[in-house]
Amino acid sequence: MVLATLYRCQDCWHASPLGSPSCLQCQGTRLEQTEHRVWGWLGVQRYLHQRDYGIDFYRSGRKILTRDKRLFYFAEDSEDVLEYPVDPPAKGRLVGEIHCDHVPVNFTYTAFDYNSPEWRGVVHAIRGPGPLAPLRAQKLGFAPNTSPLATLVGAFRRNDPGLRCLIPGDGVRALHEDAATWAERFHKGDPAYQSDEAWYDAALRHDTPTPATTVVDDRIDLAHLDPEDLSDLVHRLYMNLHDDPAEGPRELIGTGAATTVFRERHPSGERWVLQTRRSQHVVPLETVHALAGQMLDVQAVRGILVTTGWFGASSRAFAARSGCIDLVDGRALKSLLHEHLGIEARLRLKRLPPEWDVGDLA
């Protein structure tokens, strides 16, 4: 993010506005155009901690501030009010790395000049001019805060267990201590904890408890069903959807994941292709392309691709452009099975798909 573009004097290093004929400080003419630029990232670590959170600030590759928390405060009535963390437990997990090479530092390179306009510009870019909390901002007459830090605080201010806040849980309570222990194993290089899978799975299990933690669940888990059994179940579903003899399939060709369905249409039959894909992830666009190729090969007028996972925007757009491909994702399959076959099913996926609710899995 570029905050300003100006001249920098190569003799005294003083900044002057663009268009200045000479340095405002030393009157030198060796002026070079430069940018006041802020770059880096903000994020959410996998565990809560009383001290181990905050933002690292760098100048010219050198770390000046480590796990700094001053941007989590807002000056109100000459008093610094803490805005994060405030929800119990009073521990944080927002972290970041910000580079601001243009901000002046003290002689020992241990602090920035916090009264300088350069530092105030950085603060404004990261956390905005007003409070992070919407209600406090409204009360004090500030516009809604859409800064990067305010957006992150708004999404992860609470520490409720489950996928909504990405907090591990056991179906009853949050597992903050377990998450901290996993973090220690991560920092020690334990291969089992280098990815976020343990944290994510624990958050998912809280929202969709397993039979070991609740009553016995005899519903079909579509995402872990044998591929052939899943294909048979989908075939049965579509036979039921078209149970009128005049409209229903006349002949079935193929086995397993790909079934070609001939539908009676006088004076000639129309050929449909029905495919089933068991998946716990997004279905690749290439799979949808392959269905279109098979339809062309067998001269089918319609293709149906059913999955236990989900489809990306590119796949949905391709299907819409074709006008002859239907995409049925896992939650739609669950609904169809319940409505037409009376079968209660669930989906144990590794992650919650975009635009889905937790209830779509249960």
Protein backbone atom coordinates (compact mmCIF):
# COMPACT_ATOMS: atom_id res chain seq x y z
CA MET A 1 0.00 0.00 0.00
CA VAL A 2 1.49 3.34 -1.07
CA LEU A 3 0.74 6.06 1.49
CA ALA A 4 2.49 8.94 -0.23
CA THR A 5 4.83 9.82 -3.11
CA LEU A 6 7.41 12.57 -2.47
CA TYR A 7 11.00 13.71 -2.91
CA ARG A 8 13.82 12.44 -0.69
CA CYS A 9 16.96 14.58 -0.40
CA GLN A 10 20.06 12.50 -1.06
CA ASP A 11 22.17 14.86 1.08
CA CYS A 12 20.19 15.22 4.33
CA TRP A 13 17.48 12.58 3.70
CA HIS A 14 14.73 15.11 4.42
CA ALA A 15 11.37 14.64 2.64
CA SER A 16 9.89 17.36 0.43
CA PRO A 17 6.63 17.52 -1.54
CA LEU A 18 6.64 16.60 -5.21
CA GLY A 19 7.39 19.63 -7.35
CA SER A 20 9.80 21.19 -4.86
CA PRO A 21 12.80 22.73 -6.71
CA SER A 22 15.13 22.00 -3.80
CA CYS A 23 15.22 20.36 -0.38
CA LEU A 24 13.20 22.28 2.19
CA GLN A 25 15.77 21.39 4.86
CA CYS A 26 19.23 21.93 3.30
CA GLN A 27 18.31 23.57 -0.04
CA GLY A 28 20.14 20.81 -1.91
CA THR A 29 18.98 19.84 -5.35
CA ARG A 30 19.77 16.13 -5.25
CA LEU A 31 16.14 15.08 -4.92
CA GLU A 32 14.92 11.58 -5.71
CA GLN A 33 11.29 10.55 -5.99
CA THR A 34 10.33 7.88 -3.48
CA GLU A 35 7.23 6.24 -2.04
CA HIS A 36 6.04 5.85 1.53
CA ARG A 37 4.91 2.25 1.29
CA VAL A 38 3.47 -0.20 3.82
CA TRP A 39 3.40 -3.91 3.06
CA GLY A 40 3.06 -7.21 4.90
CA TRP A 41 0.27 -9.36 6.28
CA LEU A 42 -2.15 -9.84 9.15
CA GLY A 43 -3.47 -13.22 10.20
CA VAL A 44 -4.85 -15.53 12.86
CA GLN A 45 -2.64 -18.06 14.59
CA ARG A 46 -3.97 -21.46 15.67
CA TYR A 47 -4.04 -20.87 19.41
CA LEU A 48 -4.79 -18.26 22.05
CA HIS A 49 -2.02 -16.91 24.27
CA GLN A 50 -1.72 -14.28 26.97
CA ARG A 51 1.44 -12.74 25.46
CA ASP A 52 2.33 -14.57 22.25
CA TYR A 53 0.31 -12.52 19.80
CA GLY A 54 0.61 -9.09 18.20
CA ILE A 55 2.28 -7.49 15.19
CA ASP A 56 5.97 -7.46 14.22
CA PHE A 57 7.15 -4.22 12.59
CA TYR A 58 10.19 -4.04 10.30
CA ARG A 59 12.26 -1.22 8.87
CA SER A 60 14.64 -2.03 6.00
CA GLY A 61 14.52 -5.72 6.88
CA ARG A 62 15.32 -5.18 10.56
CA LYS A 63 12.70 -6.09 13.17
CA ILE A 64 12.02 -3.05 15.34
CA LEU A 65 8.96 -4.27 17.30
CA THR A 66 8.10 -7.85 18.21
CA ARG A 67 4.56 -9.00 19.02
CA ASP A 68 3.60 -5.35 19.46
CA LYS A 69 0.07 -4.69 20.74
CA ARG A 70 -0.23 -0.91 20.53
CA LEU A 71 -2.54 -1.07 17.49
CA PHE A 72 -5.07 -2.97 19.59
CA TYR A 73 -5.65 0.20 21.65
CA PHE A 74 -7.66 3.31 20.80
CA ALA A 75 -7.05 6.72 22.34
CA GLU A 76 -10.31 7.97 23.83
CA ASP A 77 -10.52 10.97 26.19
CA SER A 78 -6.74 10.95 26.66
CA GLU A 79 -6.86 7.29 27.68
CA ASP A 80 -5.81 4.21 25.71
CA VAL A 81 -8.74 1.80 25.60
CA LEU A 82 -7.97 -1.87 24.89
CA GLU A 83 -10.12 -3.15 22.00
CA TYR A 84 -8.59 -6.59 21.52
CA PRO A 85 -8.71 -9.08 23.16
CA VAL A 86 -11.77 -8.36 25.27
CA ASP A 87 -13.84 -11.57 25.11
CA PRO A 88 -13.01 -14.36 27.58
CA PRO A 89 -10.51 -15.83 27.89
CA ALA A 90 -8.56 -12.57 27.73
CA LYS A 91 -5.97 -13.99 25.35
CA GLY A 92 -5.16 -13.10 21.76
CA ARG A 93 -4.23 -14.82 18.51
CA LEU A 94 -4.09 -12.04 15.92
CA VAL A 95 -0.59 -11.73 14.48
CA GLY A 96 1.11 -9.98 11.61
CA GLU A 97 4.26 -8.72 9.93
CA ILE A 98 4.34 -5.12 8.71
CA HIS A 99 7.17 -3.45 6.80
CA CYS A 100 7.39 0.36 6.84
CA ASP A 101 10.87 1.41 5.72
CA HIS A 102 10.05 5.12 5.63
CA VAL A 103 9.15 5.57 9.31
CA PRO A 104 11.94 7.19 11.40
CA VAL A 105 13.41 5.22 14.30
CA ASN A 106 15.42 6.12 17.37
CA PHE A 107 19.20 6.02 17.53
CA THR A 108 19.36 2.42 18.80
CA TYR A 109 16.81 1.07 16.29
CA THR A 110 14.59 -0.22 19.09
CA ALA A 111 11.52 1.98 18.52
CA PHE A 112 9.85 4.13 15.91
CA ASP A 113 9.16 7.82 16.30
CA TYR A 114 5.55 7.39 17.39
CA ASN A 115 4.86 11.12 17.12
CA SER A 116 5.96 11.34 13.50
CA PRO A 117 3.40 11.76 10.70
CA GLU A 118 4.94 8.72 9.01
CA TRP A 119 4.05 6.46 11.95
CA ARG A 120 0.56 7.93 12.23
CA GLY A 121 0.07 7.19 8.52
CA VAL A 122 1.01 3.54 9.09
CA VAL A 123 -1.41 3.25 12.02
CA HIS A 124 -4.18 4.81 9.95
CA ALA A 125 -3.55 2.38 7.06
CA ILE A 126 -3.61 -0.72 9.26
CA ARG A 127 -6.30 0.00 11.84
CA GLY A 128 -8.13 3.05 10.48
CA PRO A 129 -8.80 6.38 12.18
CA GLY A 130 -11.54 5.21 14.54
CA PRO A 131 -12.32 2.41 17.00
CA LEU A 132 -12.21 -1.22 15.90
CA ALA A 133 -15.55 -1.99 17.59
CA PRO A 134 -18.54 -0.90 15.43
CA LEU A 135 -20.70 0.25 18.36
CA ARG A 136 -17.94 2.38 19.86
CA ALA A 137 -17.17 3.85 16.44
CA GLN A 138 -20.83 4.75 15.94
CA LYS A 139 -21.07 6.24 19.42
CA LEU A 140 -18.05 8.47 18.81
CA GLY A 141 -19.26 9.56 15.39
CA PHE A 142 -16.81 7.60 13.23
CA ALA A 143 -17.70 5.99 9.92
CA PRO A 144 -17.68 2.15 9.82
CA ASN A 145 -14.11 0.90 10.14
CA THR A 146 -13.16 -1.17 7.09
CA SER A 147 -9.42 -1.28 7.76
CA PRO A 148 -7.57 -4.64 7.57
CA LEU A 149 -7.21 -4.93 11.35
CA ALA A 150 -10.82 -3.95 12.05
CA THR A 151 -12.03 -6.56 9.56
CA LEU A 152 -9.94 -9.25 11.22
CA VAL A 153 -11.00 -8.27 14.74
CA GLY A 154 -14.64 -8.28 13.67
CA ALA A 155 -14.32 -11.83 12.34
CA PHE A 156 -12.24 -13.32 15.16
CA ARG A 157 -13.07 -11.23 18.22
CA ARG A 158 -15.03 -14.07 19.83
CA ASN A 159 -13.47 -17.35 20.97
CA ASP A 160 -16.44 -19.69 20.64
CA PRO A 161 -15.56 -23.30 19.77
CA GLY A 162 -16.38 -24.49 16.27
CA LEU A 163 -15.73 -23.54 12.66
CA ARG A 164 -17.28 -20.08 12.90
CA CYS A 165 -14.41 -18.82 15.06
CA LEU A 166 -11.96 -21.61 14.09
CA ILE A 167 -11.59 -22.71 17.71
CA PRO A 168 -11.08 -26.44 18.52
CA GLY A 169 -13.79 -28.00 20.67
CA ASP A 170 -15.04 -31.35 21.90
CA GLY A 171 -18.73 -30.83 21.24
CA VAL A 172 -19.27 -29.21 24.62
CA ARG A 173 -16.44 -26.76 25.32
CA ALA A 174 -13.46 -25.09 23.71
CA LEU A 175 -10.10 -26.91 23.80
CA HIS A 176 -7.83 -23.90 24.37
CA GLU A 177 -5.25 -25.84 26.38
CA ASP A 178 -5.07 -28.61 23.79
CA ALA A 179 -4.61 -26.04 21.01
CA ALA A 180 -1.73 -24.45 22.94
CA THR A 181 -0.12 -27.88 23.41
CA TRP A 182 -0.40 -28.59 19.69
CA ALA A 183 1.26 -25.23 19.05
CA GLU A 184 4.22 -26.27 21.20
CA ARG A 185 4.56 -29.44 19.15
CA PHE A 186 4.36 -27.34 15.98
CA HIS A 187 7.22 -25.12 17.15
CA LYS A 188 9.25 -28.25 18.02
CA GLY A 189 8.89 -29.47 14.43
CA ASP A 190 6.49 -32.36 15.05
CA PRO A 191 5.46 -33.40 11.49
CA ALA A 192 1.93 -34.26 12.65
CA TYR A 193 1.31 -30.63 13.63
CA GLN A 194 2.96 -28.66 10.83
CA SER A 195 -0.33 -28.22 8.97
CA ASP A 196 -3.53 -26.83 10.51
CA GLU A 197 -5.37 -30.14 10.09
CA ALA A 198 -5.48 -31.02 13.81
CA TRP A 199 -6.92 -27.61 14.72
CA TYR A 200 -9.43 -27.58 11.87
CA ASP A 201 -10.61 -31.15 12.46
CA ALA A 202 -11.18 -30.40 16.15
CA ALA A 203 -13.25 -27.33 15.26
CA LEU A 204 -15.24 -29.37 12.74
CA ARG A 205 -15.81 -32.20 15.25
CA HIS A 206 -17.23 -29.69 17.71
CA ASP A 207 -19.89 -28.69 15.18
CA THR A 208 -20.48 -32.24 13.95
CA PRO A 209 -19.80 -34.53 16.94
CA THR A 210 -18.95 -38.14 16.18
CA PRO A 211 -20.96 -41.05 17.60
CA ALA A 212 -18.23 -41.50 20.22
CA THR A 213 -19.24 -38.22 21.85
CA THR A 214 -23.02 -38.32 21.24
CA VAL A 215 -25.82 -40.77 20.66
CA VAL A 216 -25.33 -43.45 18.02
CA ASP A 217 -25.74 -41.99 14.54
CA ASP A 218 -26.92 -44.53 11.98
CA ARG A 219 -27.24 -42.06 9.10
CA ILE A 220 -25.35 -42.80 5.89
CA ASP A 221 -22.09 -40.88 5.68
CA LEU A 222 -22.07 -40.07 1.97
CA ALA A 223 -18.48 -38.80 1.91
CA HIS A 224 -17.16 -42.14 3.23
CA LEU A 225 -19.55 -44.48 1.43
CA ASP A 226 -18.02 -47.11 -0.85
CA PRO A 227 -17.83 -45.57 -4.36
CA GLU A 228 -19.86 -48.38 -5.93
CA ASP A 229 -22.49 -48.18 -3.19
CA LEU A 230 -22.66 -44.42 -3.68
CA SER A 231 -23.08 -44.88 -7.44
CA ASP A 232 -25.87 -47.41 -6.87
CA LEU A 233 -27.59 -45.04 -4.43
CA VAL A 234 -27.45 -42.14 -6.90
CA HIS A 235 -28.72 -44.41 -9.68
CA ARG A 236 -31.63 -45.44 -7.47
CA LEU A 237 -32.36 -41.81 -6.70
CA TYR A 238 -32.55 -40.82 -10.35
CA MET A 239 -34.71 -43.83 -11.19
CA ASN A 240 -37.10 -42.56 -8.54
CA LEU A 241 -36.97 -39.02 -9.87
CA HIS A 242 -38.14 -40.30 -13.28
CA ASP A 243 -40.43 -43.15 -12.29
CA ASP A 244 -42.96 -42.56 -15.08
CA PRO A 245 -42.46 -45.46 -17.53
CA ALA A 246 -42.95 -43.10 -20.46
CA GLU A 247 -40.35 -40.71 -19.12
CA GLY A 248 -38.00 -43.04 -17.28
CA PRO A 249 -34.79 -44.74 -18.48
CA ARG A 250 -35.24 -47.40 -21.11
CA GLU A 251 -31.75 -48.84 -20.99
CA LEU A 252 -28.66 -48.51 -18.77
CA ILE A 253 -25.13 -48.89 -20.07
CA GLY A 254 -21.93 -48.73 -18.03
CA THR A 255 -21.05 -49.50 -14.42
CA GLY A 256 -19.40 -47.83 -11.45
CA ALA A 257 -18.94 -44.09 -11.35
CA ALA A 258 -20.17 -43.41 -14.91
CA THR A 259 -23.62 -44.57 -16.08
CA THR A 260 -25.11 -43.72 -19.44
CA VAL A 261 -28.91 -43.34 -19.30
CA PHE A 262 -31.06 -43.67 -22.42
CA ARG A 263 -34.36 -41.80 -22.10
CA GLU A 264 -37.27 -42.62 -24.39
CA ARG A 265 -38.13 -39.76 -26.76
CA HIS A 266 -40.10 -40.71 -29.87
CA PRO A 267 -39.20 -41.05 -32.62
CA SER A 268 -35.68 -41.40 -31.24
CA GLY A 269 -34.21 -41.80 -27.76
CA GLU A 270 -32.27 -39.11 -25.90
CA ARG A 271 -29.08 -40.15 -24.21
CA TRP A 272 -28.13 -38.82 -20.76
CA VAL A 273 -24.86 -39.34 -18.91
CA LEU A 274 -24.99 -39.67 -15.11
CA GLN A 275 -21.70 -39.62 -13.18
CA THR A 276 -21.03 -39.96 -9.47
CA ARG A 277 -17.86 -38.77 -7.73
CA ARG A 278 -17.17 -39.41 -4.05
CA SER A 279 -15.07 -36.56 -2.72
CA GLN A 280 -14.31 -34.59 0.44
CA HIS A 281 -12.99 -31.65 -1.53
CA VAL A 282 -13.89 -29.36 -4.40
CA VAL A 283 -14.37 -31.22 -7.69
CA PRO A 284 -11.71 -30.11 -10.22
CA LEU A 285 -12.84 -28.23 -13.30
CA GLU A 286 -11.14 -30.95 -15.37
CA THR A 287 -13.75 -33.46 -14.12
CA VAL A 288 -16.56 -31.31 -15.49
CA HIS A 289 -14.67 -30.93 -18.77
CA ALA A 290 -14.30 -34.72 -18.93
CA LEU A 291 -18.07 -35.14 -18.53
CA ALA A 292 -18.64 -32.78 -21.44
CA GLY A 293 -16.20 -34.86 -23.50
CA GLN A 294 -17.99 -38.10 -22.67
CA MET A 295 -21.33 -36.53 -23.56
CA LEU A 296 -19.92 -35.61 -26.96
CA ASP A 297 -18.48 -39.10 -27.41
CA VAL A 298 -21.82 -40.88 -26.80
CA GLN A 299 -23.93 -38.07 -28.34
CA ALA A 300 -25.73 -37.35 -25.06
CA VAL A 301 -28.01 -34.33 -24.75
CA ARG A 302 -27.64 -33.93 -20.98
CA GLY A 303 -25.03 -34.69 -18.37
CA ILE A 304 -25.47 -34.94 -14.60
CA LEU A 305 -22.47 -34.88 -12.25
CA VAL A 306 -23.22 -35.78 -8.62
CA THR A 307 -20.60 -35.43 -5.89
CA THR A 308 -20.38 -35.59 -2.11
CA GLY A 309 -18.04 -32.58 -2.23
CA TRP A 310 -18.68 -29.26 -3.93
CA PHE A 311 -18.01 -27.35 -7.14
CA GLY A 312 -15.99 -24.22 -7.68
CA ALA A 313 -17.17 -21.07 -9.43
CA SER A 314 -15.35 -21.99 -12.65
CA SER A 315 -17.13 -25.36 -12.82
CA ARG A 316 -20.54 -23.78 -12.20
CA ALA A 317 -19.85 -21.15 -14.85
CA PHE A 318 -18.81 -23.81 -17.39
CA ALA A 319 -21.96 -25.84 -16.69
CA ALA A 320 -24.14 -22.75 -17.05
CA ARG A 321 -22.54 -21.85 -20.37
CA SER A 322 -23.06 -25.36 -21.70
CA GLY A 323 -26.77 -25.29 -20.89
CA CYS A 324 -26.85 -29.09 -20.74
CA ILE A 325 -24.84 -30.02 -17.62
CA ASP A 326 -26.36 -30.30 -14.14
CA LEU A 327 -24.02 -30.15 -11.12
CA VAL A 328 -25.30 -31.66 -7.87
CA ASP A 329 -23.11 -31.07 -4.82
CA GLY A 330 -23.15 -32.90 -1.50
CA ARG A 331 -25.74 -30.79 0.29
CA ALA A 332 -28.10 -30.97 -2.71
CA LEU A 333 -27.63 -34.75 -2.82
CA LYS A 334 -28.50 -34.96 0.89
CA SER A 335 -31.68 -32.99 0.30
CA LEU A 336 -32.73 -35.09 -2.71
CA LEU A 337 -32.18 -38.36 -0.83
CA HIS A 338 -34.31 -37.13 2.05
CA GLU A 339 -37.09 -35.79 -0.16
CA HIS A 340 -37.40 -38.63 -2.67
CA LEU A 341 -36.09 -41.74 -0.89
CA GLY A 342 -36.62 -40.82 2.76
CA ILE A 343 -32.94 -41.45 3.45
CA GLU A 344 -31.24 -39.40 6.18
CA ALA A 345 -27.59 -38.80 5.36
CA ARG A 346 -24.66 -36.71 6.55
CA LEU A 347 -21.35 -35.48 5.16
CA ARG A 348 -18.12 -35.73 7.13
CA LEU A 349 -15.91 -33.42 5.08
CA LYS A 350 -12.43 -32.22 5.97
CA ARG A 351 -13.55 -28.59 5.77
CA LEU A 352 -16.70 -26.53 5.47
CA PRO A 353 -17.20 -25.62 1.79
CA PRO A 354 -17.63 -21.96 0.83
CA GLU A 355 -21.20 -20.64 1.21
CA TRP A 356 -22.26 -23.75 3.17
CA ASP A 357 -23.59 -23.75 6.72
CA VAL A 358 -22.55 -26.24 9.37
CA GLY A 359 -26.05 -27.69 9.20
CA ASP A 360 -25.40 -28.72 5.59
CA LEU A 361 -22.92 -31.30 6.88
CA ALA A 362 -24.91 -32.68 9.82
